[in-house]
Protein backbone atom coordinates (compact mmCIF):
# COMPACT_ATOMS: atom_id res chain seq x y z
CA MET A 1 93.43 -143.76 -51.68
CA GLN A 2 93.44 -142.50 -48.17
CA HIS A 3 92.95 -139.11 -46.83
CA ALA A 4 93.68 -137.57 -43.51
CA VAL A 5 93.04 -133.67 -41.34
CA VAL A 6 94.69 -132.69 -38.76
CA HIS A 7 92.87 -130.80 -35.93
CA ARG A 8 94.78 -128.60 -33.39
CA HIS A 9 94.19 -127.75 -29.91
CA PRO A 10 92.93 -124.59 -29.69
CA ARG A 11 94.98 -123.47 -26.83
CA HIS A 12 98.78 -124.18 -28.83
CA ARG A 13 99.75 -121.90 -31.79
CA ALA A 14 101.06 -123.96 -34.66
CA PRO A 15 104.79 -123.60 -34.91
CA PRO A 16 105.99 -123.40 -38.34
CA PRO A 17 106.73 -126.31 -40.51
CA ARG A 18 109.76 -128.15 -39.63
CA HIS A 19 110.41 -131.88 -39.76
CA CYS A 20 112.01 -134.17 -37.32
CA SER A 21 115.31 -133.59 -35.79
CA ARG A 22 117.13 -136.86 -37.82
CA GLY A 23 117.24 -137.14 -41.54
CA HIS A 24 116.13 -134.65 -44.51
CA GLY A 25 112.48 -134.59 -45.19
CA ARG A 26 112.03 -137.48 -42.90
CA VAL A 27 109.23 -137.91 -40.60
CA CYS A 28 109.50 -140.12 -37.27
CA VAL A 29 107.51 -143.11 -36.89
CA VAL A 30 105.60 -144.04 -34.18
CA ARG A 31 104.34 -147.79 -33.12
CA ALA A 32 102.34 -149.43 -30.70
CA SER A 33 103.93 -150.64 -27.78
CA ALA A 34 104.45 -149.50 -23.91
CA PRO A 35 105.02 -146.29 -23.20
CA THR A 36 109.25 -145.81 -22.85
CA ALA A 37 111.01 -142.92 -22.65
CA PRO A 38 112.09 -142.16 -26.54
CA THR A 39 115.81 -142.86 -27.12
CA ALA A 40 117.79 -141.02 -30.08
CA PRO A 41 119.51 -143.25 -32.39
CA THR A 42 123.25 -142.72 -33.35
CA SER A 43 123.91 -141.37 -37.00
CA SER A 44 125.38 -145.19 -37.88
CA SER A 45 122.12 -146.99 -36.95
CA GLY A 46 120.08 -144.97 -38.54
CA ALA A 47 122.07 -145.34 -41.82
CA ALA A 48 122.50 -149.15 -41.42
CA ALA A 49 118.37 -149.34 -40.73
CA THR A 50 117.53 -147.14 -43.92
CA ALA A 51 119.84 -149.14 -45.89
CA ALA A 52 118.06 -151.95 -44.70
CA THR A 53 114.50 -150.93 -45.36
CA ASP A 54 114.38 -149.09 -48.58
CA THR A 55 114.93 -152.02 -50.72
CA PRO A 56 112.17 -153.18 -53.83
CA SER A 57 111.26 -155.62 -51.73
CA ALA A 58 110.57 -154.06 -48.37
CA ALA A 59 108.62 -150.95 -50.78
CA PHE A 60 106.40 -154.16 -52.22
CA TRP A 61 105.60 -155.34 -48.80
CA ASP A 62 104.71 -151.86 -47.68
CA TYR A 63 102.33 -151.28 -50.48
CA ASN A 64 100.78 -154.56 -50.01
CA LEU A 65 100.20 -153.75 -46.53
CA LEU A 66 97.84 -150.85 -47.98
CA PHE A 67 95.45 -153.48 -48.78
CA ARG A 68 95.43 -155.43 -46.00
CA SER A 69 91.92 -155.97 -44.29
CA GLN A 70 91.68 -154.41 -40.69
CA ARG A 71 90.10 -157.11 -38.55
CA THR A 72 89.96 -155.16 -35.21
CA GLU A 73 89.40 -152.10 -33.66
CA SER A 74 91.15 -149.81 -31.38
CA PRO A 75 88.31 -147.95 -29.50
CA ASP A 76 90.57 -147.38 -26.84
CA PRO A 77 93.49 -145.58 -26.67
CA VAL A 78 97.07 -147.26 -27.24
CA ALA A 79 99.91 -145.35 -26.10
CA LEU A 80 102.82 -145.13 -29.07
CA ARG A 81 106.36 -144.53 -28.44
CA VAL A 82 108.68 -143.47 -30.91
CA THR A 83 110.73 -145.75 -32.75
CA GLU A 84 112.59 -143.74 -35.44
CA GLY A 85 113.37 -140.08 -35.08
CA THR A 86 112.36 -137.90 -32.25
CA VAL A 87 109.13 -135.40 -31.39
CA PRO A 88 109.62 -131.80 -31.86
CA PRO A 89 109.23 -130.69 -28.12
CA ASP A 90 107.43 -127.90 -29.67
CA PHE A 91 105.33 -129.78 -31.59
CA PRO A 92 101.53 -128.81 -31.33
CA ALA A 93 98.80 -130.55 -29.15
CA GLY A 94 95.92 -131.85 -31.44
CA THR A 95 94.37 -134.93 -33.75
CA TYR A 96 95.24 -136.49 -36.77
CA TYR A 97 92.71 -137.82 -38.53
CA LEU A 98 93.12 -140.58 -41.13
CA ALA A 99 90.17 -142.01 -43.34
CA GLY A 100 90.76 -145.05 -45.86
CA PRO A 101 88.86 -148.14 -46.31
CA GLY A 102 89.88 -150.88 -44.07
CA MET A 103 88.17 -154.18 -45.41
CA PHE A 104 88.55 -156.04 -48.86
CA THR A 105 87.96 -159.15 -48.49
CA ASP A 106 85.30 -161.38 -46.44
CA ASP A 107 85.18 -164.56 -45.05
CA HIS A 108 84.03 -165.82 -47.44
CA GLY A 109 86.39 -165.69 -50.37
CA SER A 110 84.51 -162.46 -51.86
CA THR A 111 87.00 -159.44 -52.94
CA VAL A 112 86.19 -155.92 -53.22
CA HIS A 113 87.66 -153.27 -54.98
CA PRO A 114 89.78 -150.63 -52.49
CA LEU A 115 87.24 -148.02 -53.43
CA ASP A 116 84.37 -149.96 -52.10
CA GLY A 117 86.37 -151.21 -48.64
CA HIS A 118 84.32 -149.91 -45.88
CA GLY A 119 85.51 -146.78 -44.04
CA TYR A 120 88.41 -146.67 -41.26
CA LEU A 121 88.68 -143.89 -39.15
CA ARG A 122 92.01 -143.61 -37.28
CA ALA A 123 92.69 -141.00 -34.76
CA PHE A 124 96.24 -140.00 -33.62
CA ARG A 125 96.45 -137.89 -31.04
CA PHE A 126 99.37 -135.45 -29.93
CA ASP A 127 99.52 -134.07 -26.41
CA GLY A 128 102.34 -131.66 -26.74
CA GLY A 129 104.62 -133.16 -24.97
CA GLY A 130 105.92 -135.63 -27.57
CA SER A 131 103.51 -138.22 -26.75
CA ALA A 132 100.56 -139.50 -29.06
CA ARG A 133 97.88 -142.06 -28.29
CA TYR A 134 96.33 -144.53 -31.07
CA SER A 135 92.65 -144.94 -31.84
CA ALA A 136 90.66 -146.77 -34.89
CA ARG A 137 86.96 -147.66 -35.46
CA TYR A 138 85.09 -148.41 -38.54
CA VAL A 139 82.35 -146.15 -39.73
CA GLU A 140 79.12 -147.45 -38.65
CA THR A 141 77.19 -147.29 -42.14
CA ALA A 142 74.11 -148.97 -43.20
CA ALA A 143 76.24 -150.95 -45.68
CA LYS A 144 78.78 -151.89 -42.70
CA ARG A 145 75.52 -153.28 -40.37
CA GLU A 146 74.83 -155.21 -43.63
CA GLU A 147 77.43 -157.09 -44.09
CA TYR A 148 78.76 -157.72 -41.11
CA ASP A 149 78.02 -160.00 -38.50
CA ALA A 150 78.56 -158.37 -35.06
CA GLY A 151 77.67 -161.95 -33.18
CA GLY A 152 79.90 -163.75 -34.98
CA ALA A 153 82.30 -161.30 -35.83
CA SER A 154 82.56 -162.47 -39.93
CA TRP A 155 82.11 -160.62 -42.95
CA ARG A 156 79.89 -161.07 -46.12
CA PHE A 157 80.10 -159.20 -48.50
CA THR A 158 76.45 -158.27 -50.32
CA HIS A 159 76.68 -155.78 -52.68
CA ARG A 160 78.20 -156.50 -55.70
CA GLY A 161 79.94 -154.33 -58.24
CA PRO A 162 81.76 -153.51 -61.34
CA PHE A 163 84.91 -154.58 -59.56
CA SER A 164 83.99 -157.05 -56.87
CA VAL A 165 83.98 -160.64 -57.06
CA LEU A 166 81.54 -162.44 -54.62
CA GLN A 167 81.69 -165.80 -53.59
CA GLY A 168 79.76 -165.78 -50.53
CA GLY A 169 77.04 -163.74 -51.82
CA THR A 170 74.39 -163.78 -54.20
CA GLN A 171 76.16 -162.80 -58.57
CA VAL A 172 72.85 -163.47 -60.53
CA GLY A 173 70.02 -161.11 -59.69
CA ASN A 174 71.74 -158.80 -57.24
CA VAL A 175 70.47 -155.07 -57.63
CA LYS A 176 72.55 -153.97 -54.70
CA VAL A 177 76.04 -152.54 -56.08
CA MET A 178 76.86 -148.78 -54.59
CA LYS A 179 77.12 -148.74 -51.03
CA ASN A 180 77.98 -145.27 -49.16
CA VAL A 181 80.98 -147.07 -47.00
CA ALA A 182 82.39 -143.69 -46.00
CA ASN A 183 85.80 -144.14 -47.04
CA THR A 184 86.73 -141.55 -49.24
CA SER A 185 87.45 -138.48 -46.96
CA VAL A 186 88.11 -137.18 -43.36
CA LEU A 187 86.87 -133.32 -42.72
CA ARG A 188 86.53 -131.33 -39.54
CA TRP A 189 83.89 -128.93 -40.05
CA GLY A 190 82.55 -126.91 -37.26
CA GLY A 191 83.14 -129.09 -34.13
CA ARG A 192 81.93 -132.10 -36.38
CA VAL A 193 83.99 -134.84 -37.60
CA LEU A 194 82.37 -136.07 -40.57
CA CYS A 195 83.78 -139.18 -42.95
CA LEU A 196 82.52 -138.68 -46.93
CA TRP A 197 81.66 -140.55 -49.69
CA GLU A 198 81.27 -139.14 -53.24
CA GLY A 199 78.09 -140.58 -53.67
CA GLY A 200 76.44 -140.43 -50.84
CA GLU A 201 75.65 -138.60 -47.58
CA PRO A 202 78.44 -137.85 -44.77
CA TYR A 203 78.95 -139.66 -41.37
CA GLU A 204 79.39 -138.19 -38.35
CA LEU A 205 81.39 -139.52 -35.63
CA ASP A 206 82.34 -138.36 -32.25
CA PRO A 207 85.69 -136.57 -32.37
CA ARG A 208 86.92 -138.14 -29.13
CA THR A 209 85.70 -141.64 -29.12
CA LEU A 210 84.60 -142.20 -33.11
CA GLU A 211 81.74 -143.62 -32.41
CA THR A 212 79.62 -143.13 -35.19
CA LEU A 213 76.61 -140.89 -35.01
CA GLY A 214 74.73 -141.23 -37.93
CA PRO A 215 74.64 -139.68 -41.58
CA PHE A 216 74.59 -136.22 -41.42
CA ASP A 217 71.79 -134.08 -42.41
CA ILE A 218 72.88 -132.35 -44.80
CA LEU A 219 69.66 -130.82 -46.02
CA GLY A 220 68.60 -130.17 -42.87
CA LEU A 221 65.27 -132.36 -42.54
CA GLY A 222 65.99 -133.61 -38.90
CA GLY A 223 65.39 -131.48 -35.77
CA GLY A 224 68.81 -129.58 -35.57
CA GLY A 225 67.97 -128.20 -32.31
CA ALA A 226 67.14 -131.66 -30.73
CA ASP A 227 70.19 -132.90 -32.03
CA GLU A 228 72.50 -130.51 -31.15
CA ALA A 229 71.02 -130.87 -27.70
CA ALA A 230 71.97 -134.78 -27.82
CA ARG A 231 75.53 -134.12 -29.53
CA ASP A 232 76.42 -131.80 -26.28
CA ASN A 233 75.26 -134.34 -23.84
CA GLY A 234 76.98 -137.62 -25.15
CA SER A 235 77.76 -139.55 -28.04
CA SER A 236 75.61 -142.30 -27.41
CA GLU A 237 72.26 -140.47 -26.93
CA ALA A 238 72.99 -138.73 -30.28
CA ALA A 239 73.62 -141.83 -31.85
CA THR A 240 70.18 -142.94 -30.59
CA ARG A 241 68.52 -139.64 -32.30
CA HIS A 242 70.25 -140.48 -35.07
CA ARG A 243 68.50 -143.97 -35.53
CA ARG A 244 65.05 -142.35 -34.53
CA ARG A 245 65.36 -140.04 -37.67
CA ARG A 246 65.51 -143.35 -40.07
CA PRO A 247 67.79 -141.46 -42.46
CA TRP A 248 67.56 -144.23 -45.37
CA LEU A 249 63.56 -143.16 -45.50
CA GLN A 250 64.83 -139.41 -46.43
CA GLU A 251 67.37 -141.43 -48.82
CA ALA A 252 64.59 -142.82 -50.42
CA GLY A 253 62.38 -139.81 -50.58
CA ILE A 254 65.47 -138.22 -52.43
CA ASP A 255 65.69 -141.03 -54.80
CA VAL A 256 62.12 -141.08 -55.87
CA ALA A 257 62.05 -137.54 -56.35
CA ALA A 258 65.16 -137.09 -58.27
CA LEU A 259 63.44 -139.90 -60.73
CA LEU A 260 60.51 -138.03 -60.56
CA LEU A 261 62.08 -135.06 -61.21
CA ARG A 262 64.59 -136.32 -64.15
CA PRO A 263 62.44 -135.99 -66.90
CA VAL A 264 60.86 -133.11 -66.10
CA LEU A 265 64.25 -131.36 -65.66
CA SER A 266 65.45 -132.58 -68.69
CA GLY A 267 62.46 -131.82 -70.62
CA LEU A 268 63.10 -127.78 -69.96
CA CYS A 269 66.20 -127.95 -70.49
CA ARG A 270 65.77 -129.15 -73.94
CA HIS A 271 62.38 -126.34 -74.84
CA HIS A 272 65.06 -123.81 -73.31
CA HIS A 273 67.98 -125.11 -75.63
CA GLN A 274 65.10 -124.91 -78.51
CA LEU A 275 63.99 -121.00 -77.88
CA CYS A 276 67.35 -120.26 -77.62
CA MET A 277 68.05 -121.58 -81.08
CA ARG A 278 65.01 -119.92 -82.15
CA LEU A 279 65.83 -116.46 -80.70
CA ALA A 280 69.32 -116.51 -82.48
CA HIS A 281 68.00 -117.29 -85.31
CA GLN A 282 65.41 -114.56 -85.49
CA SER A 283 68.25 -111.79 -84.39
CA LEU A 284 70.94 -113.13 -86.80
CA ARG A 285 67.97 -113.22 -89.57
CA LEU A 286 67.15 -109.42 -88.84
CA GLN A 287 70.97 -108.42 -88.77
CA GLY A 288 71.09 -110.58 -92.50
CA SER A 289 73.61 -113.08 -91.47
CA THR A 290 72.73 -117.08 -91.08
CA PRO A 291 73.67 -118.25 -87.95
CA THR A 292 75.82 -121.85 -88.20
CA ARG A 293 75.28 -124.88 -86.72
CA PRO A 294 77.94 -125.62 -83.90
CA THR A 295 79.90 -129.09 -84.47
């Protein structure tokens, strides 16, 4: 349900894969706190901690934490400290991006399926010296701007879905079903960070600040050169250019074109199929055999 991508710093060569220094196949755990020097736990304390945490009850609550709504963001990087294991001294510098749904219940009693949770992007930045910093922000999609009241800091779901239960929104007569929440995966491509969704355009975010720049113009309908210049000058200017292009008009145009072309393309496919069947019948008739209709 969550997808991650790792971006390594170009000046650091990645070493072969390795685990943390303590345990077999275990990874180190980092948590937000004041930066302090990491301490190496003893083997006896590590075994006691493992026995205390690896229980069915702990596993149950860890699983439920996957579906806890994230009510706050962390736009400013937070220093992390190691609480279990150690970070290898030759661990490469880079950023680990993690994307997934972040909001499941609103402030009016409505609940959505995890696949419809608004996209929440996390970034773990390693400096190559054993320290890491954490930041996280929501993807500012059109659906998120509609369902989140920034002034009142409250959520109200308006899009109903096959697995959603709307209490504060309109259920009867509501035609808003699918919404692009950009929560499926994250992709680092061509210097860009893209949050993807299966049924719509990806959203581009600033790699450093995680500010949403807008829908990625995958079809090249906007001015690519101007957008590249704005992207180099600053994320705020790039975001302004994205808003000026009115991407929802492009999406509406694509939807209308698809509705108009669907019957035409369907008719062409049927005509092509019938033509191929006639040619096959004539060819086999000349060879003295009769074709059989596929089951």
